[in-house]
Amino acid sequence: MDTMNSPAAGNTAAAANSAAAGNSAPGNGAPAADRLVPPHGGRLVDRVLTGDRLAAARERLPALRLLPISEAVAADLELIATGAYSPLEGFLDRAGYRSVLAEMHLPGGLPWTLPITLPAPPEAAAGLREGEEVCLAAGDGEPLGLLEVREVYRPDREEEARRVYGTLDPAHPGVRRLAEQGEAVYLAGPVWLLRRRPAPFPDLALDPAETRRIFAGRGWRQVVGFQTRNPIHRAHEYIQKVALEVVDGLLIHPLLGETKADDLPAPVRVRAYREVVDRYFPRDRVLLAAFPAAMRYAGPREAVFHALVRKNYGCSHFIVGRDHAGVGRFYDPEEAQRIFDRFDPALLGVVPLRFSRTFWCRACGAMASEKTCPHGEADRLSLSGTRVREWLQAGRPLPAELTRPEVARTLAAALSEGALAGDG
């Protein structure tokens, strides 16, 4: 039995259709939690060991082979176990890997766009037997989880790079990461989580089950998710508030896992998020939480992945801007929105809210987009992470039309403290 034939992933298309139909018009007497969008595949995976099962697993550890894993893989382990990657119960086997690369669906028919895999040096995997239990450990040797080995296989890294990132250029951070794996093989099988890594921002460390409880407790049914790896500027705030006009609540869900070196440090970004949420949003309609995954920079495929994962957190809608999860000039900025048209909406189960490029229009005297503003580029002032760093490092004030003053002060203070040193 392989991972993709497990109960969480079996007959996924039927489960999705059933769940979508059941969620379309819940009765007035339905519990609040039942009115939220169902998890991807119909059930929220839970593979976190507790109580007697955790104690029994810890007793087995001295006899198990120890496999160190990277920070990015450790994040994936936790996200699988807490249900953020539902319906996955473990790392993909060869069939699942090939299906995701070629079809952007799991073998059971459910949409899934990024391969969630566990690379290991060939010498570390040598001699592993099917059914053998392995301890997955942090770099310092601290046990994090268990893997039941179902398969060991060699990936096709060139095909993976071409399919997932759309390029073989080693300048792409995802392609470079694949190349750095060398001759690593992939281990497949279900996992269990033994220990969580310390959360840098404990109040933001909310699992899918916890965000769903919060949404239900607030009476939300339709929730829009927002993904970011940059501080929130006025263009972000604009599209978030437009989305809030048509749903019950907003999940601001910044990615706080590994990013490339020239992205702003997580503590700086979190300070900026808190300033904006506390001062400029209705508190009863917004939840700020952390998404601990690593950034893949996979452009269109990662846009769909981000939407599906936020569905597991309870989001019925997901904001997709231009060049979502892009890097450099590797992607057509519009493809991150167009890719959603390649999926059956009933199987996708989350509604993309597609926003055009937004900016401050001097002629309009307001935030606007290419869909709402009749004026030309000369009147449009837009912002990017690169431009923010350039202006700060040059000592230029950030325009109030594009950045809230609290955010500008946070970024300027981080620069003076050296927190932005090394950012290109």
Protein backbone atom coordinates (compact mmCIF):
# COMPACT_ATOMS: atom_id res chain seq x y z
CA MET A 1 0.00 0.00 0.00
CA ASP A 2 1.47 3.37 -0.96
CA THR A 3 0.83 6.79 0.56
CA MET A 4 -1.56 7.89 -2.15
CA ASN A 5 -3.82 4.88 -1.57
CA SER A 6 -4.24 5.77 2.09
CA PRO A 7 -7.71 6.66 3.40
CA ALA A 8 -6.88 10.38 3.32
CA ALA A 9 -6.12 10.31 -0.39
CA GLY A 10 -8.32 7.52 -1.66
CA ASN A 11 -11.09 8.33 -4.14
CA THR A 12 -10.23 11.97 -3.76
CA ALA A 13 -12.27 13.22 -6.70
CA ALA A 14 -15.46 11.69 -5.32
CA ALA A 15 -14.70 13.04 -1.85
CA ALA A 16 -14.13 16.52 -3.22
CA ASN A 17 -17.36 16.49 -5.23
CA SER A 18 -19.34 15.25 -2.25
CA ALA A 19 -17.78 17.82 0.05
CA ALA A 20 -18.33 20.65 -2.41
CA ALA A 21 -21.96 19.71 -2.86
CA GLY A 22 -22.48 19.47 0.88
CA ASN A 23 -20.94 22.87 1.47
CA SER A 24 -22.88 24.74 -1.19
CA ALA A 25 -25.92 25.47 0.94
CA PRO A 26 -25.70 24.19 4.52
CA GLY A 27 -28.88 24.24 6.51
CA ASN A 28 -29.49 27.05 8.98
CA GLY A 29 -29.15 24.58 11.82
CA ALA A 30 -25.73 23.28 10.73
CA PRO A 31 -22.88 23.76 13.22
CA ALA A 32 -20.71 26.78 12.39
CA ALA A 33 -17.68 24.58 11.67
CA ASP A 34 -19.70 22.60 9.10
CA ARG A 35 -20.37 25.81 7.17
CA LEU A 36 -16.69 26.30 6.38
CA VAL A 37 -15.21 24.97 3.16
CA PRO A 38 -14.25 21.29 3.65
CA PRO A 39 -10.56 20.38 3.75
CA HIS A 40 -8.97 19.29 0.49
CA GLY A 41 -10.08 15.71 -0.04
CA GLY A 42 -12.84 15.99 2.58
CA ARG A 43 -10.89 15.27 5.79
CA LEU A 44 -8.29 17.18 7.77
CA VAL A 45 -5.26 14.94 8.28
CA ASP A 46 -3.94 14.66 11.84
CA ARG A 47 -0.68 12.79 12.34
CA VAL A 48 0.57 14.47 15.49
CA LEU A 49 1.46 11.91 18.17
CA THR A 50 0.29 12.60 21.72
CA GLY A 51 -0.17 10.77 25.01
CA ASP A 52 0.54 7.04 25.13
CA ARG A 53 1.23 6.83 21.39
CA LEU A 54 3.91 9.50 21.70
CA ALA A 55 5.45 7.76 24.71
CA ALA A 56 5.51 4.43 22.85
CA ALA A 57 7.12 6.03 19.80
CA ARG A 58 9.83 7.63 21.93
CA GLU A 59 10.64 4.24 23.44
CA ARG A 60 11.34 2.91 19.94
CA LEU A 61 13.69 5.74 18.96
CA PRO A 62 17.00 4.22 20.17
CA ALA A 63 16.55 1.28 17.78
CA LEU A 64 15.73 3.41 14.72
CA ARG A 65 17.95 4.72 11.98
CA LEU A 66 18.38 8.50 12.29
CA LEU A 67 17.92 10.65 9.17
CA PRO A 68 18.77 14.38 9.45
CA ILE A 69 16.44 16.63 7.44
CA SER A 70 16.65 20.24 6.31
CA GLU A 71 14.64 23.13 7.73
CA ALA A 72 12.44 23.12 4.62
CA VAL A 73 11.69 19.39 4.93
CA ALA A 74 11.08 19.78 8.67
CA ALA A 75 8.48 22.44 7.84
CA ASP A 76 6.83 20.08 5.34
CA LEU A 77 6.80 17.30 7.96
CA GLU A 78 4.92 19.54 10.37
CA LEU A 79 2.53 20.80 7.71
CA ILE A 80 1.69 17.24 6.63
CA ALA A 81 1.10 16.15 10.22
CA THR A 82 -1.12 19.10 11.14
CA GLY A 83 -3.30 18.75 8.04
CA ALA A 84 -2.13 21.83 6.14
CA TYR A 85 -1.18 19.54 3.24
CA SER A 86 -4.33 17.40 3.41
CA PRO A 87 -4.94 14.88 1.89
CA LEU A 88 -1.23 13.95 2.07
CA GLU A 89 -0.33 11.71 4.99
CA GLY A 90 3.34 11.54 4.10
CA PHE A 91 5.95 12.23 1.45
CA LEU A 92 4.98 11.37 -2.11
CA ASP A 93 5.83 8.02 -3.64
CA ARG A 94 7.01 7.64 -7.24
CA ALA A 95 3.48 7.41 -8.66
CA GLY A 96 2.35 10.49 -6.77
CA TYR A 97 5.50 12.38 -7.72
CA ARG A 98 5.10 11.61 -11.42
CA SER A 99 1.39 12.41 -11.39
CA VAL A 100 1.95 15.80 -9.75
CA LEU A 101 4.74 16.69 -12.18
CA ALA A 102 2.89 15.65 -15.32
CA GLU A 103 -0.75 16.21 -14.47
CA MET A 104 -0.82 18.63 -11.48
CA HIS A 105 -3.17 16.12 -9.84
CA LEU A 106 -2.69 13.30 -7.36
CA PRO A 107 -3.26 9.76 -8.69
CA GLY A 108 -6.79 9.79 -7.24
CA GLY A 109 -7.72 12.82 -9.35
CA LEU A 110 -7.47 15.63 -6.80
CA PRO A 111 -5.63 18.81 -7.84
CA TRP A 112 -2.12 19.14 -6.36
CA THR A 113 0.63 21.12 -8.03
CA LEU A 114 3.90 20.81 -6.08
CA PRO A 115 5.77 17.57 -5.23
CA ILE A 116 6.17 17.20 -1.47
CA THR A 117 9.22 14.96 -1.25
CA LEU A 118 11.90 13.83 1.18
CA PRO A 119 15.42 13.87 -0.31
CA ALA A 120 18.13 11.76 1.34
CA PRO A 121 21.78 11.00 0.47
CA PRO A 122 22.07 7.55 -1.18
CA GLU A 123 24.33 6.33 1.62
CA ALA A 124 21.72 7.30 4.23
CA ALA A 125 19.02 5.39 2.33
CA ALA A 126 21.16 2.33 1.59
CA GLY A 127 19.67 -0.85 2.96
CA LEU A 128 16.32 0.62 3.91
CA ARG A 129 13.53 -1.97 3.78
CA GLU A 130 9.87 -1.45 2.93
CA GLY A 131 7.97 -0.98 6.16
CA GLU A 132 11.04 0.10 8.12
CA GLU A 133 10.54 2.97 10.55
CA VAL A 134 13.04 5.84 10.39
CA CYS A 135 13.51 8.75 12.79
CA LEU A 136 13.54 12.14 11.06
CA ALA A 137 15.77 14.50 13.01
CA ALA A 138 16.75 18.16 13.07
CA GLY A 139 20.31 19.14 12.25
CA ASP A 140 21.23 18.93 15.94
CA GLY A 141 19.97 15.34 16.10
CA GLU A 142 16.76 16.14 17.97
CA PRO A 143 14.00 13.71 16.83
CA LEU A 144 11.18 15.45 15.00
CA GLY A 145 9.11 12.68 13.45
CA LEU A 146 8.81 9.15 12.17
CA LEU A 147 8.68 7.91 8.58
CA GLU A 148 7.37 4.48 7.59
CA VAL A 149 9.39 3.75 4.46
CA ARG A 150 7.18 2.61 1.60
CA GLU A 151 9.49 3.35 -1.30
CA VAL A 152 12.94 4.67 -2.21
CA TYR A 153 13.28 6.08 -5.72
CA ARG A 154 15.45 8.30 -7.89
CA PRO A 155 13.83 11.56 -9.02
CA ASP A 156 14.20 13.10 -12.44
CA ARG A 157 15.56 16.48 -11.37
CA GLU A 158 15.66 17.94 -14.86
CA GLU A 159 12.02 17.02 -15.45
CA GLU A 160 11.09 18.29 -11.99
CA ALA A 161 12.78 21.64 -12.64
CA ARG A 162 11.19 21.95 -16.07
CA ARG A 163 7.69 21.07 -14.87
CA VAL A 164 7.63 22.85 -11.49
CA TYR A 165 9.75 25.94 -12.21
CA GLY A 166 9.43 26.13 -15.98
CA THR A 167 13.19 26.52 -16.41
CA LEU A 168 16.54 24.79 -16.05
CA ASP A 169 18.33 28.06 -15.31
CA PRO A 170 20.46 27.65 -12.15
CA ALA A 171 19.78 31.31 -11.35
CA HIS A 172 16.28 30.24 -10.30
CA PRO A 173 16.35 29.48 -6.53
CA GLY A 174 14.22 26.36 -6.93
CA VAL A 175 16.39 24.94 -9.69
CA ARG A 176 19.46 25.74 -7.62
CA ARG A 177 17.97 23.94 -4.62
CA LEU A 178 17.37 20.84 -6.73
CA ALA A 179 20.93 20.93 -8.03
CA GLU A 180 22.27 21.20 -4.49
CA GLN A 181 20.59 17.89 -3.63
CA GLY A 182 23.23 16.17 -5.76
CA GLU A 183 22.52 12.46 -6.14
CA ALA A 184 19.91 12.35 -3.37
CA VAL A 185 17.12 9.80 -3.62
CA TYR A 186 13.56 10.39 -2.45
CA LEU A 187 12.02 8.49 0.47
CA ALA A 188 8.26 7.98 0.46
CA GLY A 189 5.80 6.97 3.13
CA PRO A 190 3.44 8.14 5.87
CA VAL A 191 4.80 10.23 8.73
CA TRP A 192 4.07 11.00 12.37
CA LEU A 193 5.12 14.17 14.17
CA LEU A 194 6.96 13.70 17.47
CA ARG A 195 7.97 17.23 18.30
CA ARG A 196 7.30 20.69 16.94
CA ARG A 197 10.15 23.05 16.31
CA PRO A 198 10.02 26.24 18.45
CA ALA A 199 7.76 28.79 16.78
CA PRO A 200 9.46 32.20 16.45
CA PHE A 201 6.06 33.90 16.88
CA PRO A 202 4.01 31.60 19.15
CA ASP A 203 0.81 33.66 19.00
CA LEU A 204 0.79 33.33 15.21
CA ALA A 205 1.49 29.58 15.16
CA LEU A 206 -2.03 28.34 14.38
CA ASP A 207 -2.69 24.92 12.84
CA PRO A 208 -5.55 24.39 10.36
CA ALA A 209 -7.76 22.92 13.08
CA GLU A 210 -7.16 26.05 15.19
CA THR A 211 -7.89 28.57 12.44
CA ARG A 212 -11.04 26.64 11.59
CA ARG A 213 -12.17 26.81 15.22
CA ILE A 214 -11.53 30.55 15.28
CA PHE A 215 -13.42 31.11 12.02
CA ALA A 216 -16.36 29.04 13.26
CA GLY A 217 -16.35 30.82 16.61
CA ARG A 218 -16.61 34.16 14.83
CA GLY A 219 -19.45 32.90 12.70
CA TRP A 220 -17.46 33.17 9.47
CA ARG A 221 -18.47 30.99 6.56
CA GLN A 222 -16.66 32.56 3.63
CA VAL A 223 -13.03 33.42 4.38
CA VAL A 224 -10.45 34.86 2.01
CA GLY A 225 -6.77 33.99 2.42
CA PHE A 226 -3.85 36.26 1.59
CA GLN A 227 -0.31 34.96 1.04
CA THR A 228 2.68 37.25 1.38
CA ARG A 229 6.43 37.10 1.95
CA ASN A 230 6.80 40.91 1.95
CA PRO A 231 5.56 43.64 4.30
CA ILE A 232 2.00 44.73 3.56
CA HIS A 233 1.95 47.94 1.55
CA ARG A 234 -1.02 50.01 0.46
CA ALA A 235 -1.62 47.97 -2.70
CA HIS A 236 -1.93 44.80 -0.60
CA GLU A 237 -4.21 46.58 1.86
CA TYR A 238 -6.38 47.79 -1.01
CA ILE A 239 -7.01 44.35 -2.49
CA GLN A 240 -7.52 42.81 0.96
CA LYS A 241 -10.21 45.34 1.80
CA VAL A 242 -11.87 44.92 -1.59
CA ALA A 243 -12.02 41.18 -0.89
CA LEU A 244 -13.42 41.83 2.59
CA GLU A 245 -16.41 43.52 0.98
CA VAL A 246 -17.63 40.16 -0.34
CA VAL A 247 -16.62 37.64 2.36
CA ASP A 248 -17.01 37.28 6.12
CA GLY A 249 -13.36 37.36 7.16
CA LEU A 250 -9.75 37.67 6.04
CA LEU A 251 -6.82 35.41 6.92
CA ILE A 252 -3.54 37.30 6.49
CA HIS A 253 -1.18 34.37 6.30
CA PRO A 254 2.44 35.40 5.72
CA LEU A 255 4.92 32.70 4.79
CA LEU A 256 7.56 32.66 7.54
CA GLY A 257 9.62 29.64 6.49
CA GLU A 258 12.81 29.72 4.43
CA THR A 259 13.01 32.45 1.79
CA LYS A 260 15.85 33.65 -0.41
CA ALA A 261 18.57 35.79 1.14
CA ASP A 262 17.38 39.11 -0.28
CA ASP A 263 13.82 38.83 1.06
CA LEU A 264 13.18 40.93 4.15
CA PRO A 265 13.79 39.09 7.46
CA ALA A 266 10.72 37.53 9.08
CA PRO A 267 10.85 39.61 12.32
CA VAL A 268 10.78 42.83 10.30
CA ARG A 269 7.86 41.62 8.21
CA VAL A 270 5.90 40.47 11.27
CA ARG A 271 6.30 43.86 12.96
CA ALA A 272 4.93 45.49 9.83
CA TYR A 273 1.98 43.06 9.63
CA ARG A 274 1.04 43.74 13.24
CA GLU A 275 1.14 47.51 12.73
CA VAL A 276 -1.17 47.38 9.73
CA VAL A 277 -3.63 44.84 11.18
CA ASP A 278 -3.87 46.61 14.55
CA ARG A 279 -4.39 50.08 13.12
CA TYR A 280 -6.16 49.72 9.80
CA PHE A 281 -8.40 46.64 9.88
CA PRO A 282 -11.53 45.77 11.90
CA ARG A 283 -10.20 43.27 14.44
CA ASP A 284 -13.30 41.10 14.38
CA ARG A 285 -12.93 40.50 10.63
CA VAL A 286 -9.22 39.70 10.30
CA LEU A 287 -6.95 36.96 11.63
CA LEU A 288 -3.15 37.18 11.38
CA ALA A 289 -1.39 33.80 11.50
CA ALA A 290 1.90 32.29 10.30
CA PHE A 291 2.42 29.84 7.46
CA PRO A 292 5.68 28.00 8.31
CA ALA A 293 6.43 26.54 4.85
CA ALA A 294 9.52 27.29 2.81
CA MET A 295 9.09 29.45 -0.27
CA ARG A 296 9.48 27.52 -3.54
CA TYR A 297 9.29 30.46 -5.99
CA ALA A 298 7.38 28.16 -8.34
CA GLY A 299 5.16 30.90 -9.75
CA PRO A 300 1.84 29.64 -11.21
CA ARG A 301 2.07 26.15 -9.67
CA GLU A 302 2.80 27.63 -6.26
CA ALA A 303 -0.17 29.99 -6.60
CA VAL A 304 -2.49 26.98 -6.85
CA PHE A 305 -0.61 25.21 -4.05
CA HIS A 306 -0.99 28.26 -1.79
CA ALA A 307 -4.71 28.35 -2.51
CA LEU A 308 -5.21 24.64 -1.75
CA VAL A 309 -3.28 24.84 1.49
CA ARG A 310 -5.31 27.87 2.64
CA LYS A 311 -8.44 25.87 1.85
CA ASN A 312 -7.24 23.41 4.51
CA TYR A 313 -6.93 26.32 6.95
CA GLY A 314 -10.60 27.10 6.25
CA CYS A 315 -10.44 29.63 3.40
CA SER A 316 -13.16 29.47 0.75
CA HIS A 317 -11.46 32.18 -1.35
CA PHE A 318 -7.86 33.07 -2.08
CA ILE A 319 -6.34 36.32 -3.35
CA VAL A 320 -4.13 35.87 -6.42
CA GLY A 321 -2.22 38.92 -7.58
CA ARG A 322 0.07 39.37 -10.56
CA ASP A 323 3.19 37.19 -10.59
CA HIS A 324 2.14 35.32 -7.46
CA ALA A 325 5.15 33.40 -6.02
CA GLY A 326 7.28 34.64 -8.88
CA VAL A 327 10.96 35.50 -8.86
CA GLY A 328 12.98 37.60 -11.29
CA ARG A 329 11.55 37.43 -14.80
CA PHE A 330 10.97 33.70 -14.92
CA TYR A 331 7.16 33.83 -15.26
CA ASP A 332 4.51 35.60 -17.26
CA PRO A 333 2.93 37.80 -14.54
CA GLU A 334 -0.58 36.82 -15.64
CA GLU A 335 -0.02 33.05 -15.70
CA ALA A 336 -0.44 32.72 -11.92
CA GLN A 337 -4.07 33.73 -12.46
CA ARG A 338 -4.71 31.91 -15.73
CA ILE A 339 -3.50 28.56 -14.37
CA PHE A 340 -6.62 28.24 -12.19
CA ASP A 341 -8.69 27.85 -15.37
CA ARG A 342 -6.98 24.50 -15.97
CA PHE A 343 -8.73 22.91 -12.97
CA ASP A 344 -12.27 21.71 -12.34
CA PRO A 345 -13.65 24.29 -9.85
CA ALA A 346 -15.54 21.55 -7.97
CA LEU A 347 -12.31 19.62 -7.39
CA LEU A 348 -10.29 22.74 -6.63
CA GLY A 349 -12.84 23.74 -4.00
CA VAL A 350 -11.43 27.24 -3.42
CA VAL A 351 -12.32 30.38 -5.37
CA PRO A 352 -9.42 32.47 -6.73
CA LEU A 353 -9.95 36.22 -6.46
CA ARG A 354 -7.79 37.61 -9.27
CA PHE A 355 -6.52 41.15 -8.92
CA SER A 356 -4.83 43.26 -11.56
CA ARG A 357 -1.76 45.37 -10.83
CA THR A 358 -2.69 47.96 -8.21
CA PHE A 359 -1.10 51.36 -7.65
CA TRP A 360 -1.66 54.89 -6.40
CA CYS A 361 -3.07 57.04 -9.17
CA ARG A 362 -2.20 60.73 -8.79
CA ALA A 363 -5.02 61.73 -11.13
CA CYS A 364 -7.61 59.60 -9.30
CA GLY A 365 -6.20 60.57 -5.92
CA ALA A 366 -6.70 57.00 -4.72
CA MET A 367 -5.56 53.40 -4.93
CA ALA A 368 -6.71 51.88 -8.21
CA SER A 369 -6.03 49.04 -10.62
CA GLU A 370 -5.70 48.56 -14.33
CA LYS A 371 -9.38 47.56 -14.34
CA THR A 372 -10.60 50.77 -12.65
CA CYS A 373 -8.17 53.54 -13.62
CA PRO A 374 -8.30 55.32 -17.00
CA HIS A 375 -5.00 57.19 -16.58
CA GLY A 376 -1.58 56.43 -17.96
CA GLU A 377 1.67 55.23 -16.42
CA ALA A 378 2.85 58.78 -15.72
CA ASP A 379 0.11 59.10 -13.08
CA ARG A 380 0.67 55.67 -11.52
CA LEU A 381 2.94 55.08 -8.54
CA SER A 382 3.61 51.46 -7.64
CA LEU A 383 5.80 49.69 -5.11
CA SER A 384 7.89 46.53 -5.00
CA GLY A 385 10.09 44.89 -2.39
CA THR A 386 13.17 45.76 -4.45
CA ARG A 387 12.16 49.40 -4.71
CA VAL A 388 11.47 49.59 -0.97
CA ARG A 389 14.99 48.39 -0.19
CA GLU A 390 16.55 50.73 -2.74
CA TRP A 391 14.74 53.76 -1.33
CA LEU A 392 15.50 52.87 2.28
CA GLN A 393 19.17 52.24 1.58
CA ALA A 394 19.36 55.56 -0.29
CA GLY A 395 17.78 57.35 2.69
CA ARG A 396 14.66 58.27 0.72
CA PRO A 397 11.32 58.38 2.60
CA LEU A 398 8.71 55.90 1.43
CA PRO A 399 5.68 57.66 -0.10
CA ALA A 400 2.65 57.80 2.21
CA GLU A 401 0.47 56.92 -0.79
CA LEU A 402 2.15 53.51 -0.97
CA THR A 403 3.26 52.69 2.57
CA ARG A 404 1.60 53.32 5.90
CA PRO A 405 3.86 55.54 8.05
CA GLU A 406 4.06 52.85 10.75
CA VAL A 407 5.39 50.37 8.22
CA ALA A 408 7.84 52.92 6.82
CA ARG A 409 9.19 53.56 10.33
CA THR A 410 9.48 49.81 10.99
CA LEU A 411 11.48 49.27 7.82
CA ALA A 412 13.68 52.33 8.39
CA ALA A 413 14.42 51.18 11.95
CA ALA A 414 15.32 47.69 10.70
CA LEU A 415 17.71 49.23 8.19
CA SER A 416 19.40 51.35 10.85
CA GLU A 417 19.73 48.28 13.09
CA GLY A 418 21.36 46.33 10.29
CA ALA A 419 18.43 43.90 9.93
CA LEU A 420 18.25 44.61 6.20
CA ALA A 421 21.97 44.34 5.59
CA GLY A 422 22.70 42.00 2.71
CA ASP A 423 19.30 42.52 1.12
CA GLY A 424 19.83 43.24 -2.57
